Amino acid sequence: MATYQRFEDLPVWQAAGELYDRIDDFLDRAPPRLRASFRDQLERATLSVSNNIAEGFERGTTNELLAFLYIARGSAGEVRSMLKVASRRPFLADFKSEIANLILLAESCSRQLRGWADSLQNSDIAGPRHLNAKTRADYEKRKARESGVTDFSNLLRQHLSRDHPLHPDNRPRPPI
């Protein structure tokens, strides 16, 4: 898995930036009948996606990052909702295709955020704020140990017959 040092390098932040750019272009071309309050809320919700990704990334703990990713995901949902409601308006009929593409981009951001959040929820890293030389070294040792056990088991599977008592599949399992 790639490690990013800056939020600007995150693919999901870049997608959220593209979403903002395309929403801004849409709002520039949309008919004046689209109310100013609607325009303002759509722009703010769209900008909230990238801003919350950035803020969560900069916080330094996994729990805070997760909270902001869910807020960003909620904002992406708000953008989709507003666009779906807008697409039903007859005066935006000429923009249906563009709106549909914007909805797809917002959905893509939401899926990326969900995938990232899911991977973080299963992580045992508390975040960079909690890492110091000792905790980083302990984490690396544990990961290397886990990898070594897996590699050794795979090696035994390759070189021992299935009925050999040391074959990994023949080891007694602890009771549940």
N, C-alpha and C. Protein backbone atom coordinates (compact mmCIF):
# COMPACT_ATOMS: atom_id res chain seq x y z
N MET A 1 0.85 -1.17 0.00
CA MET A 1 0.00 0.00 0.00
C MET A 1 0.90 1.23 0.00
N ALA A 2 0.53 2.20 -0.80
CA ALA A 2 1.32 3.43 -0.91
C ALA A 2 1.18 4.26 0.36
N THR A 3 2.26 4.94 0.70
CA THR A 3 2.24 5.85 1.84
C THR A 3 2.40 7.26 1.29
N TYR A 4 1.51 8.12 1.67
CA TYR A 4 1.52 9.49 1.18
C TYR A 4 1.98 10.42 2.29
N GLN A 5 2.84 11.36 1.93
CA GLN A 5 3.36 12.32 2.90
C GLN A 5 2.55 13.61 2.90
N ARG A 6 1.85 13.88 1.81
CA ARG A 6 1.08 15.11 1.67
C ARG A 6 -0.32 14.78 1.17
N PHE A 7 -1.32 15.47 1.70
CA PHE A 7 -2.69 15.18 1.26
C PHE A 7 -2.88 15.51 -0.21
N GLU A 8 -2.10 16.46 -0.73
CA GLU A 8 -2.25 16.84 -2.14
C GLU A 8 -1.91 15.70 -3.09
N ASP A 9 -1.15 14.72 -2.60
CA ASP A 9 -0.77 13.57 -3.43
C ASP A 9 -1.80 12.45 -3.41
N LEU A 10 -2.77 12.53 -2.51
CA LEU A 10 -3.78 11.47 -2.38
C LEU A 10 -4.69 11.46 -3.61
N PRO A 11 -4.88 10.31 -4.24
CA PRO A 11 -5.78 10.25 -5.40
C PRO A 11 -7.20 10.72 -5.06
N VAL A 12 -7.70 10.42 -3.87
CA VAL A 12 -9.06 10.83 -3.53
C VAL A 12 -9.14 12.35 -3.34
N TRP A 13 -8.08 12.97 -2.82
CA TRP A 13 -8.09 14.43 -2.69
C TRP A 13 -8.06 15.06 -4.09
N GLN A 14 -7.28 14.48 -4.99
CA GLN A 14 -7.23 14.99 -6.36
C GLN A 14 -8.58 14.84 -7.05
N ALA A 15 -9.26 13.72 -6.83
CA ALA A 15 -10.60 13.52 -7.41
C ALA A 15 -11.58 14.54 -6.83
N ALA A 16 -11.47 14.81 -5.53
CA ALA A 16 -12.34 15.81 -4.90
C ALA A 16 -12.06 17.20 -5.47
N GLY A 17 -10.80 17.49 -5.75
CA GLY A 17 -10.45 18.77 -6.39
C GLY A 17 -11.03 18.87 -7.79
N GLU A 18 -10.99 17.76 -8.52
CA GLU A 18 -11.60 17.75 -9.86
C GLU A 18 -13.11 17.94 -9.76
N LEU A 19 -13.72 17.31 -8.76
CA LEU A 19 -15.16 17.48 -8.56
C LEU A 19 -15.48 18.95 -8.33
N TYR A 20 -14.70 19.62 -7.49
CA TYR A 20 -14.93 21.05 -7.24
C TYR A 20 -14.79 21.85 -8.54
N ASP A 21 -13.72 21.59 -9.29
CA ASP A 21 -13.50 22.33 -10.55
C ASP A 21 -14.69 22.16 -11.50
N ARG A 22 -15.15 20.93 -11.63
CA ARG A 22 -16.25 20.67 -12.58
C ARG A 22 -17.58 21.23 -12.08
N ILE A 23 -17.80 21.21 -10.76
CA ILE A 23 -19.01 21.83 -10.20
C ILE A 23 -18.95 23.34 -10.42
N ASP A 24 -17.79 23.92 -10.22
CA ASP A 24 -17.63 25.36 -10.42
C ASP A 24 -17.93 25.74 -11.87
N ASP A 25 -17.42 24.94 -12.81
CA ASP A 25 -17.70 25.19 -14.23
C ASP A 25 -19.20 25.06 -14.52
N PHE A 26 -19.82 24.02 -13.95
CA PHE A 26 -21.26 23.82 -14.13
C PHE A 26 -22.03 25.04 -13.61
N LEU A 27 -21.68 25.50 -12.42
CA LEU A 27 -22.39 26.63 -11.83
C LEU A 27 -22.20 27.91 -12.65
N ASP A 28 -21.04 28.05 -13.28
CA ASP A 28 -20.81 29.22 -14.15
C ASP A 28 -21.76 29.21 -15.36
N ARG A 29 -22.06 28.01 -15.88
CA ARG A 29 -22.89 27.90 -17.07
C ARG A 29 -24.38 27.72 -16.76
N ALA A 30 -24.70 27.34 -15.54
CA ALA A 30 -26.10 27.07 -15.19
C ALA A 30 -26.94 28.34 -15.33
N PRO A 31 -28.20 28.16 -15.69
CA PRO A 31 -29.06 29.33 -15.87
C PRO A 31 -29.25 30.10 -14.55
N PRO A 32 -29.49 31.38 -14.65
CA PRO A 32 -29.65 32.21 -13.45
C PRO A 32 -30.83 31.77 -12.58
N ARG A 33 -31.74 31.01 -13.16
CA ARG A 33 -32.89 30.54 -12.40
C ARG A 33 -32.47 29.61 -11.25
N LEU A 34 -31.28 29.02 -11.36
CA LEU A 34 -30.76 28.20 -10.26
C LEU A 34 -30.43 29.15 -9.12
N ARG A 35 -31.15 29.04 -8.06
CA ARG A 35 -31.07 30.01 -6.96
C ARG A 35 -29.67 30.14 -6.38
N ALA A 36 -29.37 31.35 -5.93
CA ALA A 36 -28.07 31.64 -5.33
C ALA A 36 -27.82 30.78 -4.10
N SER A 37 -28.86 30.55 -3.31
CA SER A 37 -28.68 29.73 -2.11
C SER A 37 -28.33 28.28 -2.47
N PHE A 38 -28.93 27.77 -3.55
CA PHE A 38 -28.61 26.42 -4.01
C PHE A 38 -27.17 26.37 -4.51
N ARG A 39 -26.79 27.35 -5.31
CA ARG A 39 -25.42 27.42 -5.83
C ARG A 39 -24.41 27.44 -4.69
N ASP A 40 -24.70 28.31 -3.70
CA ASP A 40 -23.78 28.46 -2.58
C ASP A 40 -23.64 27.14 -1.81
N GLN A 41 -24.76 26.48 -1.53
CA GLN A 41 -24.71 25.23 -0.77
C GLN A 41 -23.99 24.14 -1.55
N LEU A 42 -24.24 24.06 -2.85
CA LEU A 42 -23.56 23.06 -3.67
C LEU A 42 -22.06 23.30 -3.70
N GLU A 43 -21.67 24.55 -3.85
CA GLU A 43 -20.24 24.88 -3.86
C GLU A 43 -19.60 24.54 -2.52
N ARG A 44 -20.29 24.88 -1.42
CA ARG A 44 -19.74 24.63 -0.10
C ARG A 44 -19.65 23.13 0.19
N ALA A 45 -20.66 22.37 -0.18
CA ALA A 45 -20.63 20.92 0.03
C ALA A 45 -19.50 20.28 -0.78
N THR A 46 -19.33 20.75 -2.01
CA THR A 46 -18.27 20.20 -2.86
C THR A 46 -16.90 20.50 -2.29
N LEU A 47 -16.69 21.72 -1.87
CA LEU A 47 -15.40 22.10 -1.29
C LEU A 47 -15.14 21.37 0.02
N SER A 48 -16.21 21.04 0.74
CA SER A 48 -16.09 20.32 2.00
C SER A 48 -15.46 18.93 1.82
N VAL A 49 -15.65 18.31 0.66
CA VAL A 49 -15.08 16.98 0.43
C VAL A 49 -13.56 17.05 0.51
N SER A 50 -12.94 17.91 -0.29
CA SER A 50 -11.47 17.99 -0.29
C SER A 50 -10.94 18.59 1.02
N ASN A 51 -11.65 19.56 1.58
CA ASN A 51 -11.17 20.17 2.82
C ASN A 51 -11.16 19.19 3.98
N ASN A 52 -12.16 18.34 4.07
CA ASN A 52 -12.19 17.38 5.17
C ASN A 52 -11.16 16.27 5.00
N ILE A 53 -10.88 15.90 3.77
CA ILE A 53 -9.79 14.95 3.52
C ILE A 53 -8.49 15.56 4.01
N ALA A 54 -8.24 16.81 3.63
CA ALA A 54 -7.00 17.48 4.02
C ALA A 54 -6.91 17.63 5.54
N GLU A 55 -7.99 18.07 6.17
CA GLU A 55 -7.94 18.29 7.62
C GLU A 55 -7.72 16.97 8.36
N GLY A 56 -8.41 15.93 7.97
CA GLY A 56 -8.21 14.64 8.61
C GLY A 56 -6.81 14.12 8.44
N PHE A 57 -6.26 14.29 7.24
CA PHE A 57 -4.90 13.82 6.95
C PHE A 57 -3.89 14.52 7.84
N GLU A 58 -4.10 15.80 8.07
CA GLU A 58 -3.15 16.60 8.84
C GLU A 58 -3.29 16.41 10.35
N ARG A 59 -4.35 15.80 10.82
CA ARG A 59 -4.60 15.70 12.27
C ARG A 59 -3.59 14.83 13.00
N GLY A 60 -3.18 13.72 12.41
CA GLY A 60 -2.13 12.93 13.03
C GLY A 60 -2.57 11.69 13.78
N THR A 61 -3.88 11.42 13.87
CA THR A 61 -4.31 10.16 14.48
C THR A 61 -5.28 9.47 13.53
N THR A 62 -5.28 8.17 13.59
CA THR A 62 -6.16 7.40 12.73
C THR A 62 -7.63 7.68 13.05
N ASN A 63 -7.96 7.78 14.32
CA ASN A 63 -9.36 8.04 14.69
C ASN A 63 -9.85 9.39 14.16
N GLU A 64 -9.01 10.41 14.25
CA GLU A 64 -9.42 11.72 13.73
C GLU A 64 -9.54 11.66 12.21
N LEU A 65 -8.58 11.02 11.55
CA LEU A 65 -8.64 10.88 10.10
C LEU A 65 -9.94 10.18 9.70
N LEU A 66 -10.28 9.10 10.38
CA LEU A 66 -11.52 8.39 10.07
C LEU A 66 -12.74 9.30 10.21
N ALA A 67 -12.79 10.07 11.27
CA ALA A 67 -13.93 10.97 11.48
C ALA A 67 -14.06 11.95 10.32
N PHE A 68 -12.95 12.52 9.89
CA PHE A 68 -13.00 13.49 8.79
C PHE A 68 -13.29 12.82 7.45
N LEU A 69 -12.84 11.58 7.27
CA LEU A 69 -13.18 10.87 6.02
C LEU A 69 -14.68 10.64 5.93
N TYR A 70 -15.30 10.32 7.06
CA TYR A 70 -16.75 10.13 7.03
C TYR A 70 -17.48 11.45 6.81
N ILE A 71 -16.94 12.54 7.34
CA ILE A 71 -17.55 13.85 7.07
C ILE A 71 -17.41 14.17 5.57
N ALA A 72 -16.23 13.91 5.01
CA ALA A 72 -16.02 14.14 3.57
C ALA A 72 -16.97 13.27 2.75
N ARG A 73 -17.15 12.03 3.18
CA ARG A 73 -18.06 11.14 2.47
C ARG A 73 -19.50 11.65 2.55
N GLY A 74 -19.86 12.17 3.71
CA GLY A 74 -21.19 12.77 3.86
C GLY A 74 -21.37 13.95 2.94
N SER A 75 -20.33 14.76 2.80
CA SER A 75 -20.40 15.91 1.88
C SER A 75 -20.53 15.45 0.44
N ALA A 76 -19.83 14.38 0.07
CA ALA A 76 -19.97 13.83 -1.29
C ALA A 76 -21.41 13.36 -1.51
N GLY A 77 -22.02 12.78 -0.47
CA GLY A 77 -23.42 12.38 -0.57
C GLY A 77 -24.34 13.58 -0.72
N GLU A 78 -24.02 14.65 0.00
CA GLU A 78 -24.82 15.88 -0.12
C GLU A 78 -24.73 16.44 -1.54
N VAL A 79 -23.55 16.41 -2.12
CA VAL A 79 -23.38 16.89 -3.50
C VAL A 79 -24.24 16.05 -4.44
N ARG A 80 -24.18 14.71 -4.28
CA ARG A 80 -24.99 13.83 -5.13
C ARG A 80 -26.47 14.14 -4.97
N SER A 81 -26.92 14.30 -3.74
CA SER A 81 -28.33 14.57 -3.49
C SER A 81 -28.76 15.87 -4.17
N MET A 82 -27.97 16.90 -4.02
CA MET A 82 -28.32 18.19 -4.62
C MET A 82 -28.36 18.09 -6.14
N LEU A 83 -27.41 17.36 -6.71
CA LEU A 83 -27.38 17.22 -8.16
C LEU A 83 -28.58 16.39 -8.66
N LYS A 84 -28.94 15.36 -7.91
CA LYS A 84 -30.09 14.54 -8.32
C LYS A 84 -31.38 15.36 -8.25
N VAL A 85 -31.52 16.17 -7.22
CA VAL A 85 -32.70 17.04 -7.11
C VAL A 85 -32.69 18.06 -8.25
N ALA A 86 -31.54 18.65 -8.51
CA ALA A 86 -31.44 19.65 -9.59
C ALA A 86 -31.76 19.04 -10.95
N SER A 87 -31.35 17.80 -11.16
CA SER A 87 -31.57 17.17 -12.47
C SER A 87 -33.05 16.99 -12.79
N ARG A 88 -33.91 17.06 -11.78
CA ARG A 88 -35.35 16.92 -12.01
C ARG A 88 -35.99 18.23 -12.46
N ARG A 89 -35.27 19.32 -12.37
CA ARG A 89 -35.82 20.63 -12.73
C ARG A 89 -35.83 20.78 -14.25
N PRO A 90 -36.97 21.13 -14.83
CA PRO A 90 -37.08 21.25 -16.29
C PRO A 90 -36.10 22.28 -16.88
N PHE A 91 -35.82 23.33 -16.17
CA PHE A 91 -34.94 24.36 -16.74
C PHE A 91 -33.47 23.91 -16.80
N LEU A 92 -33.17 22.73 -16.23
CA LEU A 92 -31.81 22.18 -16.32
C LEU A 92 -31.74 20.98 -17.28
N ALA A 93 -32.77 20.81 -18.10
CA ALA A 93 -32.84 19.66 -19.02
C ALA A 93 -31.61 19.59 -19.92
N ASP A 94 -31.10 20.73 -20.36
CA ASP A 94 -29.93 20.73 -21.24
C ASP A 94 -28.64 20.31 -20.51
N PHE A 95 -28.69 20.21 -19.19
CA PHE A 95 -27.51 19.89 -18.38
C PHE A 95 -27.55 18.47 -17.82
N LYS A 96 -28.56 17.68 -18.23
CA LYS A 96 -28.73 16.34 -17.64
C LYS A 96 -27.48 15.47 -17.77
N SER A 97 -26.85 15.47 -18.92
CA SER A 97 -25.67 14.65 -19.13
C SER A 97 -24.52 15.12 -18.23
N GLU A 98 -24.32 16.43 -18.17
CA GLU A 98 -23.25 16.98 -17.33
C GLU A 98 -23.51 16.66 -15.85
N ILE A 99 -24.75 16.81 -15.44
CA ILE A 99 -25.11 16.52 -14.05
C ILE A 99 -24.88 15.04 -13.75
N ALA A 100 -25.25 14.17 -14.67
CA ALA A 100 -25.03 12.73 -14.48
C ALA A 100 -23.55 12.42 -14.31
N ASN A 101 -22.70 13.08 -15.09
CA ASN A 101 -21.25 12.87 -14.96
C ASN A 101 -20.72 13.40 -13.63
N LEU A 102 -21.28 14.51 -13.17
CA LEU A 102 -20.88 15.04 -11.86
C LEU A 102 -21.29 14.10 -10.74
N ILE A 103 -22.46 13.50 -10.87
CA ILE A 103 -22.92 12.53 -9.88
C ILE A 103 -21.97 11.33 -9.85
N LEU A 104 -21.55 10.86 -11.02
CA LEU A 104 -20.60 9.74 -11.08
C LEU A 104 -19.28 10.09 -10.40
N LEU A 105 -18.81 11.30 -10.60
CA LEU A 105 -17.56 11.72 -9.97
C LEU A 105 -17.72 11.80 -8.45
N ALA A 106 -18.83 12.32 -7.98
CA ALA A 106 -19.09 12.37 -6.53
C ALA A 106 -19.19 10.95 -5.96
N GLU A 107 -19.82 10.03 -6.70
CA GLU A 107 -19.89 8.63 -6.26
C GLU A 107 -18.51 8.01 -6.20
N SER A 108 -17.65 8.34 -7.15
CA SER A 108 -16.29 7.82 -7.15
C SER A 108 -15.54 8.30 -5.90
N CYS A 109 -15.68 9.57 -5.58
CA CYS A 109 -15.05 10.10 -4.36
C CYS A 109 -15.56 9.34 -3.14
N SER A 110 -16.85 9.12 -3.09
CA SER A 110 -17.46 8.43 -1.95
C SER A 110 -16.92 7.00 -1.83
N ARG A 111 -16.81 6.29 -2.94
CA ARG A 111 -16.29 4.92 -2.92
C ARG A 111 -14.84 4.90 -2.45
N GLN A 112 -14.03 5.84 -2.95
CA GLN A 112 -12.63 5.90 -2.53
C GLN A 112 -12.51 6.18 -1.03
N LEU A 113 -13.34 7.09 -0.55
CA LEU A 113 -13.32 7.41 0.87
C LEU A 113 -13.74 6.21 1.70
N ARG A 114 -14.74 5.48 1.25
CA ARG A 114 -15.21 4.29 1.97
C ARG A 114 -14.11 3.23 2.01
N GLY A 115 -13.45 3.01 0.88
CA GLY A 115 -12.37 2.03 0.84
C GLY A 115 -11.23 2.40 1.78
N TRP A 116 -10.87 3.67 1.78
CA TRP A 116 -9.80 4.13 2.67
C TRP A 116 -10.23 3.97 4.12
N ALA A 117 -11.43 4.37 4.44
CA ALA A 117 -11.94 4.26 5.81
C ALA A 117 -11.96 2.80 6.25
N ASP A 118 -12.42 1.91 5.38
CA ASP A 118 -12.45 0.48 5.72
C ASP A 118 -11.05 -0.04 6.03
N SER A 119 -10.05 0.37 5.23
CA SER A 119 -8.69 -0.11 5.47
C SER A 119 -8.13 0.46 6.77
N LEU A 120 -8.50 1.68 7.11
CA LEU A 120 -8.02 2.27 8.36
C LEU A 120 -8.68 1.62 9.57
N GLN A 121 -9.93 1.24 9.45
CA GLN A 121 -10.63 0.62 10.57
C GLN A 121 -10.01 -0.73 10.93
N ASN A 122 -9.37 -1.36 9.97
CA ASN A 122 -8.74 -2.66 10.22
C ASN A 122 -7.24 -2.54 10.50
N SER A 123 -6.77 -1.32 10.68
CA SER A 123 -5.35 -1.07 10.91
C SER A 123 -5.07 -1.01 12.40
N ASP A 124 -3.88 -1.46 12.78
CA ASP A 124 -3.49 -1.36 14.18
C ASP A 124 -2.55 -0.18 14.41
N ILE A 125 -2.48 0.74 13.46
CA ILE A 125 -1.66 1.94 13.61
C ILE A 125 -2.54 3.05 14.15
N ALA A 126 -2.12 3.67 15.23
CA ALA A 126 -2.91 4.74 15.85
C ALA A 126 -2.73 6.07 15.13
N GLY A 127 -1.74 6.16 14.27
CA GLY A 127 -1.50 7.40 13.53
C GLY A 127 -0.12 7.95 13.83
N PRO A 128 0.38 8.83 12.96
CA PRO A 128 1.75 9.34 13.11
C PRO A 128 1.98 10.10 14.42
N ARG A 129 0.93 10.69 14.96
CA ARG A 129 1.10 11.42 16.21
C ARG A 129 1.54 10.47 17.33
N HIS A 130 1.16 9.20 17.21
CA HIS A 130 1.48 8.21 18.24
C HIS A 130 2.77 7.45 17.95
N LEU A 131 3.37 7.71 16.82
CA LEU A 131 4.59 6.98 16.46
C LEU A 131 5.82 7.72 16.96
N ASN A 132 6.66 6.99 17.64
CA ASN A 132 7.99 7.49 17.98
C ASN A 132 8.95 6.39 17.56
N ALA A 133 10.20 6.55 17.81
CA ALA A 133 11.19 5.57 17.34
C ALA A 133 10.89 4.18 17.90
N LYS A 134 10.53 4.09 19.17
CA LYS A 134 10.27 2.79 19.79
C LYS A 134 9.01 2.14 19.23
N THR A 135 7.91 2.88 19.15
CA THR A 135 6.67 2.27 18.66
C THR A 135 6.80 1.89 17.18
N ARG A 136 7.52 2.70 16.41
CA ARG A 136 7.74 2.37 15.01
C ARG A 136 8.57 1.08 14.88
N ALA A 137 9.63 0.97 15.69
CA ALA A 137 10.49 -0.22 15.65
C ALA A 137 9.70 -1.46 16.08
N ASP A 138 8.88 -1.32 17.13
CA ASP A 138 8.06 -2.45 17.59
C ASP A 138 7.08 -2.89 16.50
N TYR A 139 6.46 -1.92 15.83
CA TYR A 139 5.52 -2.22 14.77
C TYR A 139 6.22 -2.96 13.63
N GLU A 140 7.38 -2.46 13.22
CA GLU A 140 8.12 -3.09 12.12
C GLU A 140 8.55 -4.51 12.50
N LYS A 141 8.99 -4.72 13.74
CA LYS A 141 9.37 -6.07 14.19
C LYS A 141 8.18 -7.01 14.15
N ARG A 142 7.03 -6.55 14.64
CA ARG A 142 5.84 -7.39 14.66
C ARG A 142 5.43 -7.77 13.24
N LYS A 143 5.45 -6.79 12.34
CA LYS A 143 5.08 -7.08 10.95
C LYS A 143 6.07 -8.06 10.30
N ALA A 144 7.35 -7.89 10.58
CA ALA A 144 8.36 -8.79 10.02
C ALA A 144 8.17 -10.20 10.58
N ARG A 145 7.86 -10.31 11.88
CA ARG A 145 7.62 -11.59 12.51
C ARG A 145 6.41 -12.28 11.89
N GLU A 146 5.33 -11.52 11.71
CA GLU A 146 4.12 -12.09 11.11
C GLU A 146 4.40 -12.56 9.68
N SER A 147 5.17 -11.76 8.96
CA SER A 147 5.51 -12.13 7.59
C SER A 147 6.38 -13.38 7.56
N GLY A 148 7.31 -13.47 8.50
CA GLY A 148 8.19 -14.63 8.57
C GLY A 148 7.42 -15.90 8.87
N VAL A 149 6.45 -15.85 9.76
CA VAL A 149 5.63 -17.02 10.09
C VAL A 149 4.86 -17.47 8.85
N THR A 150 4.28 -16.52 8.15
CA THR A 150 3.53 -16.84 6.94
C THR A 150 4.45 -17.45 5.89
N ASP A 151 5.62 -16.84 5.70
CA ASP A 151 6.58 -17.36 4.72
C ASP A 151 7.02 -18.77 5.07
N PHE A 152 7.28 -19.03 6.37
CA PHE A 152 7.71 -20.36 6.81
C PHE A 152 6.60 -21.39 6.58
N SER A 153 5.37 -21.03 6.93
CA SER A 153 4.25 -21.95 6.70
C SER A 153 4.09 -22.27 5.22
N ASN A 154 4.23 -21.27 4.38
CA ASN A 154 4.13 -21.50 2.94
C ASN A 154 5.25 -22.41 2.45
N LEU A 155 6.44 -22.22 3.00
CA LEU A 155 7.58 -23.06 2.63
C LEU A 155 7.31 -24.51 3.02
N LEU A 156 6.80 -24.72 4.25
CA LEU A 156 6.46 -26.08 4.69
C LEU A 156 5.39 -26.70 3.79
N ARG A 157 4.39 -25.94 3.42
CA ARG A 157 3.33 -26.45 2.55
C ARG A 157 3.90 -26.92 1.21
N GLN A 158 4.89 -26.19 0.71
CA GLN A 158 5.46 -26.53 -0.60
C GLN A 158 6.32 -27.79 -0.54
N HIS A 159 7.01 -27.99 0.60
CA HIS A 159 8.03 -29.05 0.63
C HIS A 159 7.67 -30.28 1.45
N LEU A 160 6.58 -30.23 2.20
CA LEU A 160 6.17 -31.40 2.97
C LEU A 160 4.91 -31.99 2.36
N SER A 161 4.83 -33.30 2.40
CA SER A 161 3.62 -33.93 1.89
C SER A 161 2.46 -33.58 2.80
N ARG A 162 1.28 -33.66 2.26
CA ARG A 162 0.06 -33.25 2.99
C ARG A 162 -0.13 -34.06 4.26
N ASP A 163 0.33 -35.33 4.28
CA ASP A 163 0.13 -36.17 5.46
C ASP A 163 1.29 -36.10 6.46
N HIS A 164 2.31 -35.31 6.18
CA HIS A 164 3.43 -35.15 7.11
C HIS A 164 2.96 -34.44 8.38
N PRO A 165 3.39 -34.92 9.57
CA PRO A 165 2.89 -34.32 10.82
C PRO A 165 3.27 -32.84 11.00
N LEU A 166 4.31 -32.37 10.34
CA LEU A 166 4.70 -30.97 10.48
C LEU A 166 4.06 -30.05 9.42
N HIS A 167 3.31 -30.64 8.52
CA HIS A 167 2.62 -29.83 7.52
C HIS A 167 1.68 -28.86 8.25
N PRO A 168 1.70 -27.57 7.88
CA PRO A 168 0.89 -26.57 8.62
C PRO A 168 -0.59 -26.90 8.72
N ASP A 169 -1.13 -27.60 7.74
CA ASP A 169 -2.56 -27.92 7.79
C ASP A 169 -2.88 -29.04 8.78
N ASN A 170 -1.84 -29.73 9.29
CA ASN A 170 -2.05 -30.82 10.23
C ASN A 170 -1.85 -30.42 11.68
N ARG A 171 -1.48 -29.19 11.93
CA ARG A 171 -1.27 -28.74 13.30
C ARG A 171 -2.60 -28.63 14.02
N PRO A 172 -2.61 -28.99 15.30
CA PRO A 172 -3.87 -28.87 16.05
C PRO A 172 -4.29 -27.39 16.16
N ARG A 173 -5.56 -27.18 16.02
CA ARG A 173 -6.12 -25.83 16.14
C ARG A 173 -6.55 -25.59 17.58
N PRO A 174 -6.34 -24.38 18.08
CA PRO A 174 -6.80 -24.09 19.45
C PRO A 174 -8.33 -24.12 19.49
N PRO A 175 -8.90 -24.53 20.62
CA PRO A 175 -10.37 -24.58 20.71
C PRO A 175 -10.96 -23.17 20.63
N ILE A 176 -12.13 -23.12 20.09
CA ILE A 176 -12.81 -21.83 19.94
C ILE A 176 -13.54 -21.47 21.19
